[in-house]
């Protein structure tokens, strides 16, 4: 079991099961293959995927900021748009 703990408070934030060796190897293989093929994609396709990523990050920016600052033990005042 992997646990994410706020280092400032010692509070358990989240627990989750680690990936199996096979699952990790599959994800790493996919990432490596994508890193090789992505530069060969047409520019329009690469722009599309980068814009999609930007939308996802912008949509979840507050939740991501809360999670990252809690995992680092920072206070709310250091979060994005606080």
PDB file of N, CA and C in Angstrom:
ATOM      1  N   UNK A   1       0.847  -1.171   0.000  1.00  0.00           N
ATOM      2  CA  UNK A   1       0.000   0.000   0.000  1.00  0.00           C
ATOM      3  C   UNK A   1       0.897   1.241   0.000  1.00  0.00           C
ATOM      4  N   UNK A   2       0.607   2.175  -0.873  1.00  0.00           N
ATOM      5  CA  UNK A   2       1.322   3.451  -0.917  1.00  0.00           C
ATOM      6  C   UNK A   2       0.441   4.489  -0.238  1.00  0.00           C
ATOM      7  N   UNK A   3       1.055   5.318   0.585  1.00  0.00           N
ATOM      8  CA  UNK A   3       0.305   6.351   1.294  1.00  0.00           C
ATOM      9  C   UNK A   3       0.895   7.715   0.996  1.00  0.00           C
ATOM     10  N   UNK A   4       0.013   8.674   0.757  1.00  0.00           N
ATOM     11  CA  UNK A   4       0.411  10.063   0.586  1.00  0.00           C
ATOM     12  C   UNK A   4       0.068  10.776   1.896  1.00  0.00           C
ATOM     13  N   UNK A   5       1.092  11.337   2.532  1.00  0.00           N
ATOM     14  CA  UNK A   5       0.920  11.937   3.850  1.00  0.00           C
ATOM     15  C   UNK A   5       1.393  13.387   3.811  1.00  0.00           C
ATOM     16  N   UNK A   6       0.601  14.279   4.400  1.00  0.00           N
ATOM     17  CA  UNK A   6       0.992  15.679   4.527  1.00  0.00           C
ATOM     18  C   UNK A   6       2.133  15.737   5.532  1.00  0.00           C
ATOM     19  N   UNK A   7       3.328  16.168   5.102  1.00  0.00           N
ATOM     20  CA  UNK A   7       4.468  16.164   6.027  1.00  0.00           C
ATOM     21  C   UNK A   7       4.352  17.193   7.150  1.00  0.00           C
ATOM     22  N   UNK A   8       3.526  18.212   6.968  1.00  0.00           N
ATOM     23  CA  UNK A   8       3.354  19.218   8.026  1.00  0.00           C
ATOM     24  C   UNK A   8       2.464  18.733   9.158  1.00  0.00           C
ATOM     25  N   UNK A   9       1.440  17.950   8.775  1.00  0.00           N
ATOM     26  CA  UNK A   9       0.458  17.536   9.776  1.00  0.00           C
ATOM     27  C   UNK A   9       0.519  16.051  10.107  1.00  0.00           C
ATOM     28  N   UNK A  10       1.150  15.278   9.233  1.00  0.00           N
ATOM     29  CA  UNK A  10       1.171  13.832   9.414  1.00  0.00           C
ATOM     30  C   UNK A  10      -0.135  13.172   9.007  1.00  0.00           C
ATOM     31  N   UNK A  11      -1.068  13.958   8.476  1.00  0.00           N
ATOM     32  CA  UNK A  11      -2.387  13.445   8.091  1.00  0.00           C
ATOM     33  C   UNK A  11      -2.288  12.638   6.795  1.00  0.00           C
ATOM     34  N   UNK A  12      -2.948  11.464   6.820  1.00  0.00           N
ATOM     35  CA  UNK A  12      -3.026  10.623   5.634  1.00  0.00           C
ATOM     36  C   UNK A  12      -3.943  11.299   4.623  1.00  0.00           C
ATOM     37  N   UNK A  13      -3.429  11.562   3.426  1.00  0.00           N
ATOM     38  CA  UNK A  13      -4.215  12.209   2.383  1.00  0.00           C
ATOM     39  C   UNK A  13      -4.896  11.195   1.473  1.00  0.00           C
ATOM     40  N   UNK A  14      -4.167  10.106   1.176  1.00  0.00           N
ATOM     41  CA  UNK A  14      -4.690   9.129   0.232  1.00  0.00           C
ATOM     42  C   UNK A  14      -3.856   7.858   0.304  1.00  0.00           C
ATOM     43  N   UNK A  15      -4.501   6.727   0.119  1.00  0.00           N
ATOM     44  CA  UNK A  15      -3.813   5.441   0.027  1.00  0.00           C
ATOM     45  C   UNK A  15      -4.176   4.800  -1.303  1.00  0.00           C
ATOM     46  N   UNK A  16      -3.231   4.104  -1.888  1.00  0.00           N
ATOM     47  CA  UNK A  16      -3.532   3.407  -3.125  1.00  0.00           C
ATOM     48  C   UNK A  16      -2.583   2.238  -3.307  1.00  0.00           C
ATOM     49  N   UNK A  17      -3.007   1.299  -4.103  1.00  0.00           N
ATOM     50  CA  UNK A  17      -2.215   0.111  -4.388  1.00  0.00           C
ATOM     51  C   UNK A  17      -1.153   0.451  -5.425  1.00  0.00           C
ATOM     52  N   UNK A  18       0.061  -0.034  -5.244  1.00  0.00           N
ATOM     53  CA  UNK A  18       1.089   0.202  -6.265  1.00  0.00           C
ATOM     54  C   UNK A  18       0.767  -0.600  -7.529  1.00  0.00           C
ATOM     55  N   UNK A  19       1.305  -0.144  -8.641  1.00  0.00           N
ATOM     56  CA  UNK A  19       1.139  -0.886  -9.882  1.00  0.00           C
ATOM     57  C   UNK A  19       1.888  -2.212  -9.792  1.00  0.00           C
ATOM     58  N   UNK A  20       1.356  -3.192 -10.471  1.00  0.00           N
ATOM     59  CA  UNK A  20       2.107  -4.441 -10.593  1.00  0.00           C
ATOM     60  C   UNK A  20       3.291  -4.192 -11.526  1.00  0.00           C
ATOM     61  N   UNK A  21       4.252  -5.071 -11.478  1.00  0.00           N
ATOM     62  CA  UNK A  21       5.410  -4.941 -12.370  1.00  0.00           C
ATOM     63  C   UNK A  21       4.959  -4.905 -13.831  1.00  0.00           C
ATOM     64  N   UNK A  22       4.017  -5.766 -14.174  1.00  0.00           N
ATOM     65  CA  UNK A  22       3.532  -5.845 -15.550  1.00  0.00           C
ATOM     66  C   UNK A  22       2.826  -4.548 -15.960  1.00  0.00           C
ATOM     67  N   UNK A  23       2.005  -4.006 -15.072  1.00  0.00           N
ATOM     68  CA  UNK A  23       1.296  -2.760 -15.378  1.00  0.00           C
ATOM     69  C   UNK A  23       2.282  -1.605 -15.551  1.00  0.00           C
ATOM     70  N   UNK A  24       3.284  -1.538 -14.686  1.00  0.00           N
ATOM     71  CA  UNK A  24       4.291  -0.488 -14.790  1.00  0.00           C
ATOM     72  C   UNK A  24       5.060  -0.616 -16.094  1.00  0.00           C
ATOM     73  N   UNK A  25       5.481  -1.820 -16.420  1.00  0.00           N
ATOM     74  CA  UNK A  25       6.218  -2.034 -17.668  1.00  0.00           C
ATOM     75  C   UNK A  25       5.366  -1.666 -18.879  1.00  0.00           C
ATOM     76  N   UNK A  26       4.064  -1.961 -18.825  1.00  0.00           N
ATOM     77  CA  UNK A  26       3.169  -1.591 -19.916  1.00  0.00           C
ATOM     78  C   UNK A  26       3.069  -0.079 -20.082  1.00  0.00           C
ATOM     79  N   UNK A  27       2.948   0.634 -18.978  1.00  0.00           N
ATOM     80  CA  UNK A  27       2.874   2.097 -19.035  1.00  0.00           C
ATOM     81  C   UNK A  27       4.183   2.701 -19.543  1.00  0.00           C
ATOM     82  N   UNK A  28       5.308   2.160 -19.085  1.00  0.00           N
ATOM     83  CA  UNK A  28       6.600   2.661 -19.548  1.00  0.00           C
ATOM     84  C   UNK A  28       6.816   2.378 -21.028  1.00  0.00           C
ATOM     85  N   UNK A  29       6.389   1.212 -21.491  1.00  0.00           N
ATOM     86  CA  UNK A  29       6.508   0.869 -22.912  1.00  0.00           C
ATOM     87  C   UNK A  29       5.656   1.799 -23.768  1.00  0.00           C
ATOM     88  N   UNK A  30       4.443   2.071 -23.314  1.00  0.00           N
ATOM     89  CA  UNK A  30       3.562   2.988 -24.043  1.00  0.00           C
ATOM     90  C   UNK A  30       4.173   4.388 -24.101  1.00  0.00           C
ATOM     91  N   UNK A  31       4.713   4.854 -22.984  1.00  0.00           N
ATOM     92  CA  UNK A  31       5.337   6.182 -22.949  1.00  0.00           C
ATOM     93  C   UNK A  31       6.540   6.244 -23.889  1.00  0.00           C
ATOM     94  N   UNK A  32       7.359   5.203 -23.888  1.00  0.00           N
ATOM     95  CA  UNK A  32       8.542   5.181 -24.757  1.00  0.00           C
ATOM     96  C   UNK A  32       8.136   5.174 -26.230  1.00  0.00           C
ATOM     97  N   UNK A  33       7.136   4.372 -26.570  1.00  0.00           N
ATOM     98  CA  UNK A  33       6.672   4.305 -27.956  1.00  0.00           C
ATOM     99  C   UNK A  33       6.080   5.647 -28.390  1.00  0.00           C
ATOM    100  N   UNK A  34       5.323   6.261 -27.507  1.00  0.00           N
ATOM    101  CA  UNK A  34       4.718   7.552 -27.822  1.00  0.00           C
ATOM    102  C   UNK A  34       5.786   8.624 -27.988  1.00  0.00           C
ATOM    103  N   UNK A  35       6.817   8.592 -27.152  1.00  0.00           N
ATOM    104  CA  UNK A  35       7.903   9.567 -27.263  1.00  0.00           C
ATOM    105  C   UNK A  35       8.617   9.443 -28.610  1.00  0.00           C
ATOM    106  N   UNK A  36       8.670   8.241 -29.155  1.00  0.00           N
ATOM    107  CA  UNK A  36       9.305   8.046 -30.462  1.00  0.00           C
ATOM    108  C   UNK A  36       8.410   8.495 -31.601  1.00  0.00           C
ATOM    109  N   UNK A  37       7.100   8.270 -31.479  1.00  0.00           N
ATOM    110  CA  UNK A  37       6.208   8.554 -32.605  1.00  0.00           C
ATOM    111  C   UNK A  37       5.602   9.956 -32.576  1.00  0.00           C
ATOM    112  N   UNK A  38       5.477  10.552 -31.403  1.00  0.00           N
ATOM    113  CA  UNK A  38       4.823  11.859 -31.291  1.00  0.00           C
ATOM    114  C   UNK A  38       5.484  12.931 -32.176  1.00  0.00           C
ATOM    115  N   UNK A  39       6.808  13.026 -32.203  1.00  0.00           N
ATOM    116  CA  UNK A  39       7.421  14.053 -33.053  1.00  0.00           C
ATOM    117  C   UNK A  39       7.134  13.875 -34.546  1.00  0.00           C
ATOM    118  N   UNK A  40       6.761  12.663 -34.941  1.00  0.00           N
ATOM    119  CA  UNK A  40       6.469  12.386 -36.357  1.00  0.00           C
ATOM    120  C   UNK A  40       5.024  12.716 -36.724  1.00  0.00           C
ATOM    121  N   UNK A  41       4.183  12.971 -35.718  1.00  0.00           N
ATOM    122  CA  UNK A  41       2.785  13.329 -35.981  1.00  0.00           C
ATOM    123  C   UNK A  41       2.728  14.698 -36.651  1.00  0.00           C
ATOM    124  N   UNK A  42       1.715  14.929 -37.469  1.00  0.00           N
ATOM    125  CA  UNK A  42       1.563  16.262 -38.071  1.00  0.00           C
ATOM    126  C   UNK A  42       1.420  17.327 -36.978  1.00  0.00           C
ATOM    127  N   UNK A  43       1.915  18.507 -37.261  1.00  0.00           N
ATOM    128  CA  UNK A  43       1.870  19.592 -36.296  1.00  0.00           C
ATOM    129  C   UNK A  43       0.453  19.840 -35.791  1.00  0.00           C
ATOM    130  N   UNK A  44      -0.525  19.796 -36.668  1.00  0.00           N
ATOM    131  CA  UNK A  44      -1.917  20.042 -36.269  1.00  0.00           C
ATOM    132  C   UNK A  44      -2.371  19.051 -35.199  1.00  0.00           C
ATOM    133  N   UNK A  45      -1.952  17.800 -35.338  1.00  0.00           N
ATOM    134  CA  UNK A  45      -2.323  16.775 -34.360  1.00  0.00           C
ATOM    135  C   UNK A  45      -1.636  17.019 -33.024  1.00  0.00           C
ATOM    136  N   UNK A  46      -0.360  17.390 -33.069  1.00  0.00           N
ATOM    137  CA  UNK A  46       0.360  17.682 -31.830  1.00  0.00           C
ATOM    138  C   UNK A  46      -0.224  18.905 -31.125  1.00  0.00           C
ATOM    139  N   UNK A  47      -0.614  19.915 -31.888  1.00  0.00           N
ATOM    140  CA  UNK A  47      -1.249  21.102 -31.309  1.00  0.00           C
ATOM    141  C   UNK A  47      -2.570  20.713 -30.654  1.00  0.00           C
ATOM    142  N   UNK A  48      -3.343  19.867 -31.311  1.00  0.00           N
ATOM    143  CA  UNK A  48      -4.611  19.409 -30.749  1.00  0.00           C
ATOM    144  C   UNK A  48      -4.403  18.769 -29.380  1.00  0.00           C
ATOM    145  N   UNK A  49      -3.424  17.858 -29.281  1.00  0.00           N
ATOM    146  CA  UNK A  49      -3.198  17.160 -28.010  1.00  0.00           C
ATOM    147  C   UNK A  49      -2.662  18.093 -26.933  1.00  0.00           C
ATOM    148  N   UNK A  50      -1.832  19.038 -27.294  1.00  0.00           N
ATOM    149  CA  UNK A  50      -1.328  19.996 -26.299  1.00  0.00           C
ATOM    150  C   UNK A  50      -2.460  20.901 -25.794  1.00  0.00           C
ATOM    151  N   UNK A  51      -3.364  21.280 -26.692  1.00  0.00           N
ATOM    152  CA  UNK A  51      -4.516  22.092 -26.270  1.00  0.00           C
ATOM    153  C   UNK A  51      -5.452  21.293 -25.365  1.00  0.00           C
ATOM    154  N   UNK A  52      -5.644  20.021 -25.696  1.00  0.00           N
ATOM    155  CA  UNK A  52      -6.469  19.156 -24.830  1.00  0.00           C
ATOM    156  C   UNK A  52      -5.860  19.063 -23.436  1.00  0.00           C
ATOM    157  N   UNK A  53      -4.556  18.887 -23.364  1.00  0.00           N
ATOM    158  CA  UNK A  53      -3.869  18.821 -22.082  1.00  0.00           C
ATOM    159  C   UNK A  53      -4.036  20.133 -21.319  1.00  0.00           C
ATOM    160  N   UNK A  54      -3.886  21.239 -22.017  1.00  0.00           N
ATOM    161  CA  UNK A  54      -4.047  22.548 -21.366  1.00  0.00           C
ATOM    162  C   UNK A  54      -5.456  22.701 -20.788  1.00  0.00           C
ATOM    163  N   UNK A  55      -6.457  22.268 -21.521  1.00  0.00           N
ATOM    164  CA  UNK A  55      -7.841  22.347 -21.035  1.00  0.00           C
ATOM    165  C   UNK A  55      -8.014  21.506 -19.781  1.00  0.00           C
ATOM    166  N   UNK A  56      -7.481  20.293 -19.800  1.00  0.00           N
ATOM    167  CA  UNK A  56      -7.598  19.422 -18.628  1.00  0.00           C
ATOM    168  C   UNK A  56      -6.904  20.033 -17.417  1.00  0.00           C
ATOM    169  N   UNK A  57      -5.699  20.571 -17.616  1.00  0.00           N
ATOM    170  CA  UNK A  57      -4.969  21.174 -16.504  1.00  0.00           C
ATOM    171  C   UNK A  57      -5.670  22.418 -15.977  1.00  0.00           C
ATOM    172  N   UNK A  58      -6.192  23.246 -16.883  1.00  0.00           N
ATOM    173  CA  UNK A  58      -6.904  24.451 -16.458  1.00  0.00           C
ATOM    174  C   UNK A  58      -8.189  24.102 -15.723  1.00  0.00           C
ATOM    175  N   UNK A  59      -8.886  23.093 -16.191  1.00  0.00           N
ATOM    176  CA  UNK A  59     -10.143  22.680 -15.571  1.00  0.00           C
ATOM    177  C   UNK A  59      -9.911  22.181 -14.150  1.00  0.00           C
ATOM    178  N   UNK A  60      -8.818  21.472 -13.951  1.00  0.00           N
ATOM    179  CA  UNK A  60      -8.525  20.865 -12.652  1.00  0.00           C
ATOM    180  C   UNK A  60      -7.458  21.612 -11.861  1.00  0.00           C
ATOM    181  N   UNK A  61      -7.129  22.848 -12.243  1.00  0.00           N
ATOM    182  CA  UNK A  61      -5.995  23.533 -11.629  1.00  0.00           C
ATOM    183  C   UNK A  61      -6.153  23.711 -10.125  1.00  0.00           C
ATOM    184  N   UNK A  62      -7.345  24.043  -9.651  1.00  0.00           N
ATOM    185  CA  UNK A  62      -7.526  24.238  -8.207  1.00  0.00           C
ATOM    186  C   UNK A  62      -7.377  22.922  -7.457  1.00  0.00           C
ATOM    187  N   UNK A  63      -7.997  21.861  -7.963  1.00  0.00           N
ATOM    188  CA  UNK A  63      -7.866  20.553  -7.315  1.00  0.00           C
ATOM    189  C   UNK A  63      -6.415  20.079  -7.315  1.00  0.00           C
ATOM    190  N   UNK A  64      -5.724  20.275  -8.446  1.00  0.00           N
ATOM    191  CA  UNK A  64      -4.319  19.876  -8.522  1.00  0.00           C
ATOM    192  C   UNK A  64      -3.467  20.701  -7.558  1.00  0.00           C
ATOM    193  N   UNK A  65      -3.751  21.995  -7.454  1.00  0.00           N
ATOM    194  CA  UNK A  65      -2.992  22.855  -6.540  1.00  0.00           C
ATOM    195  C   UNK A  65      -3.198  22.424  -5.097  1.00  0.00           C
ATOM    196  N   UNK A  66      -4.435  22.105  -4.739  1.00  0.00           N
ATOM    197  CA  UNK A  66      -4.733  21.648  -3.380  1.00  0.00           C
ATOM    198  C   UNK A  66      -3.965  20.365  -3.084  1.00  0.00           C
ATOM    199  N   UNK A  67      -4.024  19.414  -4.001  1.00  0.00           N
ATOM    200  CA  UNK A  67      -3.357  18.135  -3.799  1.00  0.00           C
ATOM    201  C   UNK A  67      -1.843  18.307  -3.692  1.00  0.00           C
ATOM    202  N   UNK A  68      -1.256  19.061  -4.604  1.00  0.00           N
ATOM    203  CA  UNK A  68       0.206  19.208  -4.601  1.00  0.00           C
ATOM    204  C   UNK A  68       0.706  19.933  -3.363  1.00  0.00           C
ATOM    205  N   UNK A  69       0.011  20.985  -2.954  1.00  0.00           N
ATOM    206  CA  UNK A  69       0.482  21.713  -1.777  1.00  0.00           C
ATOM    207  C   UNK A  69       0.299  20.883  -0.515  1.00  0.00           C
ATOM    208  N   UNK A  70      -0.779  20.108  -0.435  1.00  0.00           N
ATOM    209  CA  UNK A  70      -0.984  19.241   0.737  1.00  0.00           C
ATOM    210  C   UNK A  70       0.101  18.171   0.798  1.00  0.00           C
ATOM    211  N   UNK A  71       0.439  17.582  -0.341  1.00  0.00           N
ATOM    212  CA  UNK A  71       1.453  16.536  -0.360  1.00  0.00           C
ATOM    213  C   UNK A  71       2.846  17.085  -0.038  1.00  0.00           C
ATOM    214  N   UNK A  72       3.056  18.377  -0.287  1.00  0.00           N
ATOM    215  CA  UNK A  72       4.347  18.995   0.045  1.00  0.00           C
ATOM    216  C   UNK A  72       4.336  19.591   1.447  1.00  0.00           C
ATOM    217  N   UNK A  73       3.158  19.637   2.080  1.00  0.00           N
ATOM    218  CA  UNK A  73       3.057  20.181   3.421  1.00  0.00           C
ATOM    219  C   UNK A  73       2.969  21.687   3.460  1.00  0.00           C
ATOM    220  N   UNK A  74       2.684  22.307   2.322  1.00  0.00           N
ATOM    221  CA  UNK A  74       2.560  23.763   2.282  1.00  0.00           C
ATOM    222  C   UNK A  74       1.182  24.195   2.762  1.00  0.00           C
ATOM    223  N   UNK A  75       1.105  25.467   3.103  1.00  0.00           N
ATOM    224  CA  UNK A  75      -0.162  26.024   3.538  1.00  0.00           C
ATOM    225  C   UNK A  75      -1.006  26.445   2.342  1.00  0.00           C
ATOM    226  N   UNK A  76      -2.293  26.622   2.595  1.00  0.00           N
ATOM    227  CA  UNK A  76      -3.216  27.037   1.539  1.00  0.00           C
ATOM    228  C   UNK A  76      -2.783  28.340   0.901  1.00  0.00           C
ATOM    229  N   UNK A  77      -2.168  29.227   1.663  1.00  0.00           N
ATOM    230  CA  UNK A  77      -1.790  30.532   1.131  1.00  0.00           C
ATOM    231  C   UNK A  77      -0.769  30.455   0.008  1.00  0.00           C
ATOM    232  N   UNK A  78      -0.088  29.322  -0.148  1.00  0.00           N
ATOM    233  CA  UNK A  78       0.905  29.200  -1.211  1.00  0.00           C
ATOM    234  C   UNK A  78       0.330  28.566  -2.464  1.00  0.00           C
ATOM    235  N   UNK A  79      -0.940  28.188  -2.433  1.00  0.00           N
ATOM    236  CA  UNK A  79      -1.570  27.552  -3.589  1.00  0.00           C
ATOM    237  C   UNK A  79      -1.842  28.538  -4.700  1.00  0.00           C
ATOM    238  N   UNK A  80      -2.081  27.989  -5.856  1.00  0.00           N
ATOM    239  CA  UNK A  80      -2.473  28.745  -7.036  1.00  0.00           C
ATOM    240  C   UNK A  80      -3.730  29.547  -6.760  1.00  0.00           C
ATOM    241  N   UNK A  81      -3.740  30.801  -7.102  1.00  0.00           N
ATOM    242  CA  UNK A  81      -4.907  31.685  -6.978  1.00  0.00           C
ATOM    243  C   UNK A  81      -5.470  31.765  -5.565  1.00  0.00           C
ATOM    244  N   UNK A  82      -4.639  31.666  -4.556  1.00  0.00           N
ATOM    245  CA  UNK A  82      -5.135  31.760  -3.180  1.00  0.00           C
ATOM    246  C   UNK A  82      -5.167  33.187  -2.733  1.00  0.00           C
TER     247      UNK A  82
END
